[in-house]
Amino acid sequence: MTVNFTCNDALAGIATCAEAKTLSSEGANQTASGTATDKAGNSATTSVAGINIDRTPPTVSVTGVSNGASYPLGSVPTAGCATTDALSGVQTNATLSVTGGANGLGALTASCAGALDKAGNASATATATYQIYAADTTPPVITSTVNGTPGSNGWYTSAVTVSWTVTDSESAISARNGCDAATVAADTAGVTFTCSASSGGGTASNAVMVKRDATPPAVTVTGVTDGATYTLGSVPMAGCGTEDALSGVQTSATLSVTGGDTSSLGAFTARCAGATDNAGNAGFASASYQVTNAPSSASTFSAFGINQLRIDPRLKLFLLLSNFTLGTDSNGIDPAREPVILGMANFTTTIPAGKFRKGRNGAYAYAGKIDNAAIEALIVPLGNNRFGFQAAAYGINLTGTTNPVTVKLMIGNDQGIASGNAIIKTGVGYPRP
């Protein structure tokens, strides 16, 4: 702002007149002074007071809402305008307008415009853009996934994995606890897993219990013993036992007995099957046994001779070729149903009843291991109660055997003893019979 001075002197005239004063600083009640001198040397000073200078527009801001903020529907602050002017003061306050959004949601812009101060300065428009979203009123949705082999009655019969899915379509998940995947690898009557999570809509939790029983029920055959031999008329009553220590017995095993001949003699198998536990596991057991006639009085072979006997103590083997004739009081032999006992020097072995197999030509043969010794034996009918008996073994201890060698043979209740010289060599193998 510039203040110009006019100087007059009617008598002597003006010698110097005050120059124009320029005020560039804003402020209220400023003063500009000027001095004039006439030609007679007289001077006079004058001042102009009350000068107000305001070149700054008023300050306008949006109140209530913040630029870039987000608010849930129903909890949105009231937008407004604030107008201030530190110098000349406010002449006209800014007015509010709000635009944008749809159905009260989305991006909105609050604008404050039209403010004037008393110096006539107009303010710039102030704006604030903010978001309004639908409020989350529901907690997260928690879903469990259980993978395993389902059994019965809510049990699993394999390893079980438990995993979780946590979702909220209205707000972010702010916290979760116990929601990691887990595996149940051992049998258990029940283990509970709990997942909890929070969002803007609150907190929710979900629990799942896993029961695992992968062990079949324990089934036993009672009464008879696997591998046993019983006398006809004294055979124990076979039965079944069923137990389950975890999920419990659903169905007990039932008994079936197979085998034997029309005389109730021979090899039998007792089978306990059909047992299930409450998890759906199945169990079974079996026992095989022999039933023979009651032994009669012992009968001695009427003849028993060694045709050939070869022994190799170092290689732990022998080969025996012999013949025997049943005694007149014998009731016959049946190696398929009777035990066969062979003794030689310091070696004795028993081939259990039922181990010999009868061939089409009426011969009886056995091959297998007894007490870690590999044994083969052959009994061949020759007619008129005469039989050929051949045996070979490997893996037996015949150390110290000397001639003559005594051989003892017993088939059921028929028996005989023979003695003869063996060919005893070291390091020489012999063919099997």
Protein backbone atom coordinates (compact mmCIF):
# COMPACT_ATOMS: atom_id res chain seq x y z
CA MET A 1 0.00 0.00 0.00
CA THR A 2 1.32 3.49 -0.92
CA VAL A 3 0.53 6.74 0.94
CA ASN A 4 1.04 9.95 -1.14
CA PHE A 5 1.46 13.40 0.47
CA THR A 6 0.39 16.79 -0.99
CA CYS A 7 2.25 19.90 0.24
CA ASN A 8 1.11 23.60 -0.03
CA ASP A 9 2.50 26.90 1.33
CA ALA A 10 0.68 30.12 0.34
CA LEU A 11 3.41 32.55 1.42
CA ALA A 12 6.96 31.38 0.99
CA GLY A 13 6.20 28.31 -1.07
CA ILE A 14 7.28 24.70 -0.66
CA ALA A 15 10.89 23.87 -0.51
CA THR A 16 10.59 20.07 0.00
CA CYS A 17 7.52 17.81 0.10
CA ALA A 18 7.32 14.39 1.82
CA GLU A 19 7.85 11.47 -0.53
CA ALA A 20 5.25 8.75 -0.91
CA LYS A 21 5.39 5.97 1.72
CA THR A 22 4.87 2.31 0.73
CA LEU A 23 3.67 -0.15 3.39
CA SER A 24 4.36 -3.75 2.34
CA SER A 25 3.84 -5.65 5.60
CA GLU A 26 0.52 -7.04 6.70
CA GLY A 27 -0.83 -5.62 9.92
CA ALA A 28 -3.55 -3.63 11.58
CA ASN A 29 -3.49 0.05 12.62
CA GLN A 30 -0.27 0.86 10.80
CA THR A 31 0.89 4.56 10.47
CA ALA A 32 2.55 6.42 7.56
CA SER A 33 4.19 9.85 8.30
CA GLY A 34 5.51 12.60 5.99
CA THR A 35 7.31 16.01 6.56
CA ALA A 36 7.24 19.16 4.33
CA THR A 37 9.51 22.31 4.47
CA ASP A 38 8.75 25.77 2.96
CA LYS A 39 11.27 28.16 1.55
CA ALA A 40 11.31 30.18 4.74
CA GLY A 41 12.64 27.09 6.55
CA ASN A 42 9.40 26.21 8.25
CA SER A 43 8.47 22.48 8.42
CA ALA A 44 5.36 20.51 9.17
CA THR A 45 4.72 16.79 9.71
CA THR A 46 1.52 14.85 9.22
CA SER A 47 0.64 11.14 9.86
CA VAL A 48 -1.95 8.81 8.45
CA ALA A 49 -3.02 6.22 11.11
CA GLY A 50 -5.39 3.21 11.14
CA ILE A 51 -3.98 1.59 8.02
CA ASN A 52 -4.95 -2.12 7.85
CA ILE A 53 -3.25 -4.46 5.36
CA ASP A 54 -4.49 -8.17 4.98
CA ARG A 55 -3.50 -10.09 1.86
CA THR A 56 -3.85 -13.65 3.38
CA PRO A 57 -7.03 -15.63 2.66
CA PRO A 58 -8.83 -17.12 5.63
CA THR A 59 -7.84 -20.64 6.74
CA VAL A 60 -10.45 -23.32 6.03
CA SER A 61 -10.37 -26.99 7.18
CA VAL A 62 -12.70 -29.99 7.13
CA THR A 63 -13.68 -31.14 10.62
CA GLY A 64 -15.11 -34.42 11.92
CA VAL A 65 -13.73 -36.73 9.24
CA SER A 66 -10.10 -37.28 8.25
CA ASN A 67 -8.68 -37.52 4.79
CA GLY A 68 -7.91 -41.20 3.94
CA ALA A 69 -9.80 -42.58 6.93
CA SER A 70 -12.32 -45.47 6.88
CA TYR A 71 -15.44 -45.61 9.03
CA PRO A 72 -18.02 -48.33 9.61
CA LEU A 73 -21.56 -47.49 8.62
CA GLY A 74 -23.41 -46.12 11.63
CA SER A 75 -20.24 -44.80 13.26
CA VAL A 76 -19.26 -42.06 10.82
CA PRO A 77 -18.27 -38.71 12.44
CA THR A 78 -20.23 -35.61 11.36
CA ALA A 79 -18.33 -33.63 8.77
CA GLY A 80 -18.09 -29.83 9.15
CA CYS A 81 -16.10 -26.73 8.23
CA ALA A 82 -13.85 -24.53 10.33
CA THR A 83 -12.97 -20.99 9.12
CA THR A 84 -10.38 -18.76 10.83
CA ASP A 85 -8.57 -15.49 9.94
CA ALA A 86 -5.91 -14.18 12.23
CA LEU A 87 -5.81 -10.59 10.87
CA SER A 88 -8.86 -8.96 9.50
CA GLY A 89 -11.20 -11.66 10.78
CA VAL A 90 -13.81 -13.81 9.14
CA GLN A 91 -16.46 -12.11 7.05
CA THR A 92 -18.14 -15.27 5.65
CA ASN A 93 -17.70 -18.83 6.94
CA ALA A 94 -17.02 -21.73 4.53
CA THR A 95 -19.98 -23.94 3.70
CA LEU A 96 -19.96 -27.76 3.56
CA SER A 97 -20.84 -30.06 0.70
CA VAL A 98 -20.45 -33.89 0.65
CA THR A 99 -20.34 -35.87 -2.59
CA GLY A 100 -19.74 -39.47 -3.67
CA GLY A 101 -20.68 -42.86 -2.29
CA ALA A 102 -23.65 -45.06 -3.06
CA ASN A 103 -26.33 -45.93 -0.54
CA GLY A 104 -24.20 -44.34 2.12
CA LEU A 105 -21.21 -46.57 1.39
CA GLY A 106 -17.99 -46.17 -0.53
CA ALA A 107 -15.71 -43.16 -1.08
CA LEU A 108 -17.09 -39.74 -0.02
CA THR A 109 -15.53 -36.28 -0.27
CA ALA A 110 -16.34 -33.48 2.15
CA SER A 111 -15.63 -29.97 0.67
CA CYS A 112 -15.50 -26.61 2.51
CA ALA A 113 -15.65 -23.51 0.23
CA GLY A 114 -16.90 -19.89 0.01
CA ALA A 115 -15.05 -18.40 3.00
CA LEU A 116 -14.15 -14.62 2.96
CA ASP A 117 -12.24 -12.49 5.44
CA LYS A 118 -13.02 -8.82 6.14
CA ALA A 119 -10.30 -7.75 3.75
CA GLY A 120 -12.19 -9.55 0.97
CA ASN A 121 -9.72 -12.40 0.60
CA ALA A 122 -11.37 -15.67 -0.51
CA SER A 123 -10.17 -19.02 0.82
CA ALA A 124 -9.21 -22.07 -1.25
CA THR A 125 -11.52 -25.08 -1.04
CA ALA A 126 -10.54 -27.63 1.64
CA THR A 127 -11.40 -31.31 1.03
CA ALA A 128 -11.23 -34.63 2.88
CA THR A 129 -11.89 -37.98 1.15
CA TYR A 130 -12.84 -40.96 3.31
CA GLN A 131 -14.40 -44.42 3.09
CA ILE A 132 -17.59 -45.76 4.64
CA TYR A 133 -17.96 -49.55 4.84
CA ALA A 134 -20.65 -51.84 6.15
CA ALA A 135 -20.02 -52.70 9.79
CA ASP A 136 -18.92 -56.31 10.57
CA THR A 137 -21.46 -57.72 12.99
CA THR A 138 -20.51 -61.41 12.74
CA PRO A 139 -17.39 -63.22 14.00
CA PRO A 140 -15.14 -65.32 11.72
CA VAL A 141 -16.38 -68.60 10.24
CA ILE A 142 -14.15 -71.49 11.42
CA THR A 143 -14.31 -74.83 9.59
CA SER A 144 -12.42 -77.99 10.53
CA THR A 145 -11.21 -80.63 8.06
CA VAL A 146 -10.45 -84.11 9.43
CA ASN A 147 -8.67 -86.58 7.13
CA GLY A 148 -8.20 -90.23 8.02
CA THR A 149 -9.71 -93.66 7.48
CA PRO A 150 -13.15 -93.60 9.10
CA GLY A 151 -14.08 -96.59 11.17
CA SER A 152 -17.34 -97.11 13.03
CA ASN A 153 -19.05 -95.10 15.76
CA GLY A 154 -16.97 -91.97 15.16
CA TRP A 155 -13.60 -93.75 15.40
CA TYR A 156 -10.73 -93.53 12.92
CA THR A 157 -8.53 -96.53 12.09
CA SER A 158 -5.48 -94.75 10.64
CA ALA A 159 -3.34 -91.66 11.24
CA VAL A 160 -5.59 -88.57 11.36
CA THR A 161 -4.81 -84.98 10.31
CA VAL A 162 -6.84 -81.99 11.52
CA SER A 163 -6.67 -78.64 9.69
CA TRP A 164 -8.67 -75.42 9.90
CA THR A 165 -10.09 -72.78 7.53
CA VAL A 166 -10.79 -69.32 9.02
CA THR A 167 -12.66 -66.73 6.91
CA ASP A 168 -14.48 -63.39 7.38
CA SER A 169 -15.82 -61.61 4.33
CA GLU A 170 -16.55 -58.38 6.23
CA SER A 171 -13.31 -57.59 8.03
CA ALA A 172 -9.76 -58.84 8.45
CA ILE A 173 -8.81 -61.65 10.83
CA SER A 174 -7.01 -59.91 13.67
CA ALA A 175 -6.01 -62.93 15.77
CA ARG A 176 -6.13 -66.73 15.72
CA ASN A 177 -5.12 -69.39 18.24
CA GLY A 178 -4.82 -73.18 18.03
CA CYS A 179 -5.52 -73.18 14.30
CA ASP A 180 -2.35 -74.93 13.11
CA ALA A 181 -2.66 -78.35 11.44
CA ALA A 182 -2.13 -81.36 13.74
CA THR A 183 -1.68 -85.12 13.29
CA VAL A 184 -2.88 -87.94 15.54
CA ALA A 185 -0.48 -90.84 14.96
CA ALA A 186 -1.22 -92.98 18.04
CA ASP A 187 -4.35 -94.69 19.31
CA THR A 188 -6.35 -92.52 21.70
CA ALA A 189 -9.74 -92.63 23.36
CA GLY A 190 -10.20 -88.98 22.39
CA VAL A 191 -8.16 -85.81 21.90
CA THR A 192 -9.81 -82.42 21.37
CA PHE A 193 -8.47 -79.65 19.11
CA THR A 194 -9.83 -76.08 19.40
CA CYS A 195 -9.36 -73.18 16.96
CA SER A 196 -10.39 -69.63 17.94
CA ALA A 197 -10.17 -66.44 15.84
CA SER A 198 -11.15 -62.76 16.06
CA SER A 199 -12.17 -60.09 13.56
CA GLY A 200 -14.08 -56.81 13.57
CA GLY A 201 -17.23 -58.83 14.15
CA GLY A 202 -16.04 -60.53 17.33
CA THR A 203 -14.47 -63.83 18.38
CA ALA A 204 -15.50 -67.37 17.47
CA SER A 205 -14.17 -70.85 18.25
CA ASN A 206 -14.67 -74.36 16.96
CA ALA A 207 -13.62 -77.68 18.49
CA VAL A 208 -13.30 -81.19 17.09
CA MET A 209 -12.53 -84.43 18.94
CA VAL A 210 -10.60 -87.27 17.29
CA LYS A 211 -10.83 -90.90 18.46
CA ARG A 212 -8.31 -93.30 16.91
CA ASP A 213 -8.20 -97.08 17.26
CA ALA A 214 -6.13 -98.83 14.59
CA THR A 215 -5.54 -101.98 16.65
CA PRO A 216 -7.68 -105.06 15.94
CA PRO A 217 -9.38 -106.78 18.86
CA ALA A 218 -7.33 -109.46 20.58
CA VAL A 219 -8.77 -112.85 19.64
CA THR A 220 -7.60 -116.10 21.21
CA VAL A 221 -8.48 -119.76 20.68
CA THR A 222 -9.28 -121.28 24.06
CA GLY A 223 -9.32 -124.90 25.16
CA VAL A 224 -6.96 -126.34 22.54
CA THR A 225 -3.32 -125.38 21.95
CA ASP A 226 -1.72 -124.77 18.58
CA GLY A 227 0.57 -127.70 17.67
CA ALA A 228 -0.77 -129.99 20.41
CA THR A 229 -1.74 -133.66 20.05
CA TYR A 230 -4.76 -135.03 21.91
CA THR A 231 -6.14 -138.51 22.41
CA LEU A 232 -9.58 -139.22 21.00
CA GLY A 233 -12.07 -138.85 23.83
CA SER A 234 -9.83 -136.41 25.72
CA VAL A 235 -9.85 -133.45 23.37
CA PRO A 236 -10.51 -130.13 25.19
CA MET A 237 -13.51 -128.06 24.16
CA ALA A 238 -12.34 -125.34 21.77
CA GLY A 239 -13.68 -121.83 22.22
CA CYS A 240 -13.00 -118.17 21.43
CA GLY A 241 -11.99 -115.20 23.55
CA THR A 242 -12.34 -111.59 22.33
CA GLU A 243 -10.99 -108.46 24.07
CA ASP A 244 -10.38 -104.85 23.04
CA ALA A 245 -8.74 -102.41 25.43
CA LEU A 246 -9.66 -99.16 23.62
CA SER A 247 -12.89 -98.85 21.68
CA GLY A 248 -14.32 -102.07 23.14
CA VAL A 249 -15.72 -105.24 21.61
CA GLN A 250 -18.56 -104.78 19.14
CA THR A 251 -18.89 -108.41 18.02
CA SER A 252 -17.20 -111.41 19.64
CA ALA A 253 -15.43 -114.02 17.52
CA THR A 254 -17.29 -117.19 16.63
CA LEU A 255 -15.76 -120.66 16.45
CA SER A 256 -15.46 -123.02 13.49
CA VAL A 257 -13.54 -126.32 13.57
CA THR A 258 -12.45 -128.04 10.36
CA GLY A 259 -10.42 -131.13 9.52
CA GLY A 260 -10.24 -134.70 10.74
CA ASP A 261 -11.77 -137.79 9.19
CA THR A 262 -15.03 -139.66 9.72
CA SER A 263 -13.51 -141.21 12.83
CA SER A 264 -12.80 -137.76 14.32
CA LEU A 265 -9.09 -138.40 14.00
CA GLY A 266 -6.39 -136.44 12.23
CA ALA A 267 -5.44 -132.79 11.87
CA PHE A 268 -7.93 -130.16 13.01
CA THR A 269 -7.98 -126.37 12.85
CA ALA A 270 -10.02 -124.29 15.27
CA ARG A 271 -10.64 -120.80 13.84
CA CYS A 272 -12.08 -117.85 15.71
CA ALA A 273 -13.29 -115.21 13.25
CA GLY A 274 -15.83 -112.42 12.85
CA ALA A 275 -14.64 -110.35 15.82
CA THR A 276 -14.89 -106.58 15.49
CA ASP A 277 -14.31 -103.70 17.87
CA ASN A 278 -16.38 -100.53 18.07
CA ALA A 279 -13.97 -98.82 15.66
CA GLY A 280 -14.64 -101.45 12.99
CA ASN A 281 -11.30 -103.30 13.24
CA ALA A 282 -11.53 -107.06 12.63
CA GLY A 283 -9.56 -109.77 14.42
CA PHE A 284 -9.17 -113.53 14.16
CA ALA A 285 -7.04 -116.39 15.47
CA SER A 286 -6.55 -120.08 14.75
CA ALA A 287 -4.98 -123.14 16.32
CA SER A 288 -4.08 -126.43 14.64
CA TYR A 289 -3.91 -129.68 16.58
CA GLN A 290 -3.93 -133.47 16.14
CA VAL A 291 -6.34 -136.06 17.45
CA THR A 292 -5.06 -139.66 17.63
CA ASN A 293 -6.30 -142.93 18.99
CA ALA A 294 -5.32 -143.83 22.49
CA PRO A 295 -2.00 -145.62 22.35
CA SER A 296 -2.18 -149.38 22.67
CA SER A 297 0.51 -151.47 24.23
CA ALA A 298 3.91 -151.12 22.60
CA SER A 299 4.71 -153.47 19.72
CA THR A 300 8.24 -154.45 18.76
CA PHE A 301 9.38 -154.89 15.17
CA SER A 302 9.83 -158.53 14.36
CA ALA A 303 12.80 -157.49 12.22
CA PHE A 304 14.82 -154.29 11.91
CA GLY A 305 18.00 -154.12 9.85
CA ILE A 306 20.41 -151.40 8.77
CA ASN A 307 21.22 -151.62 5.07
CA GLN A 308 23.51 -148.60 4.99
CA LEU A 309 24.55 -145.88 7.44
CA ARG A 310 26.94 -143.07 6.53
CA ILE A 311 27.96 -140.40 9.06
CA ASP A 312 30.08 -137.25 8.66
CA PRO A 313 30.50 -135.55 12.06
CA ARG A 314 32.37 -132.54 10.61
CA LEU A 315 29.69 -131.76 8.06
CA LYS A 316 27.04 -132.67 10.67
CA LEU A 317 25.11 -135.04 8.41
CA PHE A 318 24.07 -138.67 8.12
CA LEU A 319 22.29 -141.02 5.66
CA LEU A 320 20.35 -144.08 6.84
CA LEU A 321 18.85 -146.86 4.68
CA SER A 322 16.98 -149.57 6.62
CA ASN A 323 14.09 -152.07 6.58
CA PHE A 324 11.73 -153.20 9.34
CA THR A 325 8.88 -155.65 9.77
CA LEU A 326 5.98 -155.00 12.13
CA GLY A 327 5.42 -157.38 15.02
CA THR A 328 2.55 -159.86 14.97
CA ASP A 329 0.79 -157.90 17.74
CA SER A 330 0.98 -154.58 15.82
CA ASN A 331 -2.20 -152.79 14.87
CA GLY A 332 -0.41 -151.16 11.94
CA ILE A 333 1.29 -147.82 11.48
CA ASP A 334 0.00 -144.50 10.16
CA PRO A 335 2.87 -141.95 10.12
CA ALA A 336 0.40 -139.27 8.92
CA ARG A 337 -1.28 -139.44 12.33
CA GLU A 338 1.43 -140.78 14.63
CA PRO A 339 4.68 -139.22 15.83
CA VAL A 340 7.92 -140.72 14.50
CA ILE A 341 10.95 -140.82 16.81
CA LEU A 342 14.44 -141.56 15.48
CA GLY A 343 17.49 -142.00 17.70
CA MET A 344 21.10 -142.53 16.63
CA ALA A 345 24.18 -142.39 18.82
CA ASN A 346 23.73 -139.15 20.82
CA PHE A 347 21.12 -137.72 18.39
CA THR A 348 17.34 -138.00 18.85
CA THR A 349 14.56 -136.19 17.02
CA THR A 350 10.75 -136.39 17.04
CA ILE A 351 8.73 -135.70 13.91
CA PRO A 352 5.30 -134.67 15.30
CA ALA A 353 2.12 -136.45 14.31
CA GLY A 354 0.58 -135.06 11.17
CA LYS A 355 3.88 -133.90 9.62
CA PHE A 356 4.29 -136.88 7.27
CA ARG A 357 2.40 -136.66 3.98
CA LYS A 358 1.02 -139.76 2.31
CA GLY A 359 1.68 -140.13 -1.43
CA ARG A 360 -0.31 -141.91 -4.10
CA ASN A 361 1.85 -145.01 -3.89
CA GLY A 362 1.23 -145.32 -0.14
CA ALA A 363 4.64 -143.95 0.85
CA TYR A 364 4.94 -141.40 3.64
CA ALA A 365 7.39 -138.46 3.25
CA TYR A 366 8.61 -135.64 5.48
CA ALA A 367 10.99 -132.75 4.85
CA GLY A 368 11.52 -129.83 7.19
CA LYS A 369 13.49 -128.35 10.07
CA ILE A 370 13.39 -129.53 13.67
CA ASP A 371 15.57 -127.82 16.27
CA ASN A 372 17.52 -126.09 13.45
CA ALA A 373 18.34 -129.43 11.80
CA ALA A 374 17.20 -130.09 8.22
CA ILE A 375 15.60 -133.54 8.18
CA GLU A 376 14.13 -135.74 5.43
CA ALA A 377 12.48 -139.09 6.00
CA LEU A 378 10.69 -141.63 3.80
CA ILE A 379 8.62 -144.68 4.86
CA VAL A 380 7.75 -147.03 1.95
CA PRO A 381 5.44 -150.07 2.27
CA LEU A 382 7.06 -153.21 0.80
CA GLY A 383 4.22 -155.67 1.47
CA ASN A 384 3.52 -158.24 4.20
CA ASN A 385 3.98 -155.62 6.95
CA ARG A 386 7.50 -154.86 5.70
CA PHE A 387 8.61 -151.25 5.23
CA GLY A 388 11.65 -149.43 4.03
CA PHE A 389 12.80 -146.51 6.21
CA GLN A 390 15.22 -143.91 4.85
CA ALA A 391 16.39 -140.77 6.63
CA ALA A 392 18.95 -138.03 6.10
CA ALA A 393 19.79 -135.01 8.22
CA TYR A 394 22.05 -131.98 8.08
CA GLY A 395 23.02 -129.71 10.96
CA ILE A 396 23.17 -132.31 13.74
CA ASN A 397 25.85 -133.05 16.30
CA LEU A 398 27.33 -136.55 15.88
CA THR A 399 30.77 -135.69 17.25
CA GLY A 400 32.44 -138.67 18.89
CA THR A 401 30.28 -141.30 17.18
CA THR A 402 32.00 -144.69 16.97
CA ASN A 403 31.03 -148.13 15.73
CA PRO A 404 28.92 -150.03 16.31
CA VAL A 405 26.08 -147.47 16.04
CA THR A 406 22.71 -148.15 17.61
CA VAL A 407 19.61 -146.89 15.79
CA LYS A 408 16.23 -146.63 17.52
CA LEU A 409 13.01 -146.12 15.54
CA MET A 410 9.52 -145.64 16.98
CA ILE A 411 6.35 -145.03 14.89
CA GLY A 412 3.37 -144.54 17.14
CA ASN A 413 3.51 -147.52 19.50
CA ASP A 414 5.61 -149.68 17.12
CA GLN A 415 9.33 -149.66 17.75
CA GLY A 416 12.60 -151.38 17.09
CA ILE A 417 16.33 -151.22 17.79
CA ALA A 418 19.10 -152.11 15.35
CA SER A 419 22.85 -151.96 15.61
CA GLY A 420 25.51 -151.97 12.96
CA ASN A 421 28.73 -150.46 11.69
CA ALA A 422 28.48 -147.11 9.96
CA ILE A 423 30.77 -145.60 7.38
CA ILE A 424 32.12 -142.66 9.38
CA LYS A 425 34.02 -140.14 7.27
CA THR A 426 34.98 -136.49 7.49
CA GLY A 427 34.37 -133.90 4.75
CA VAL A 428 32.46 -136.24 2.45
CA GLY A 429 28.81 -135.52 1.66
CA TYR A 430 26.20 -138.16 0.88
CA PRO A 431 23.18 -138.05 -1.37
CA ARG A 432 19.74 -137.71 0.14
CA PRO A 433 17.52 -140.81 0.22
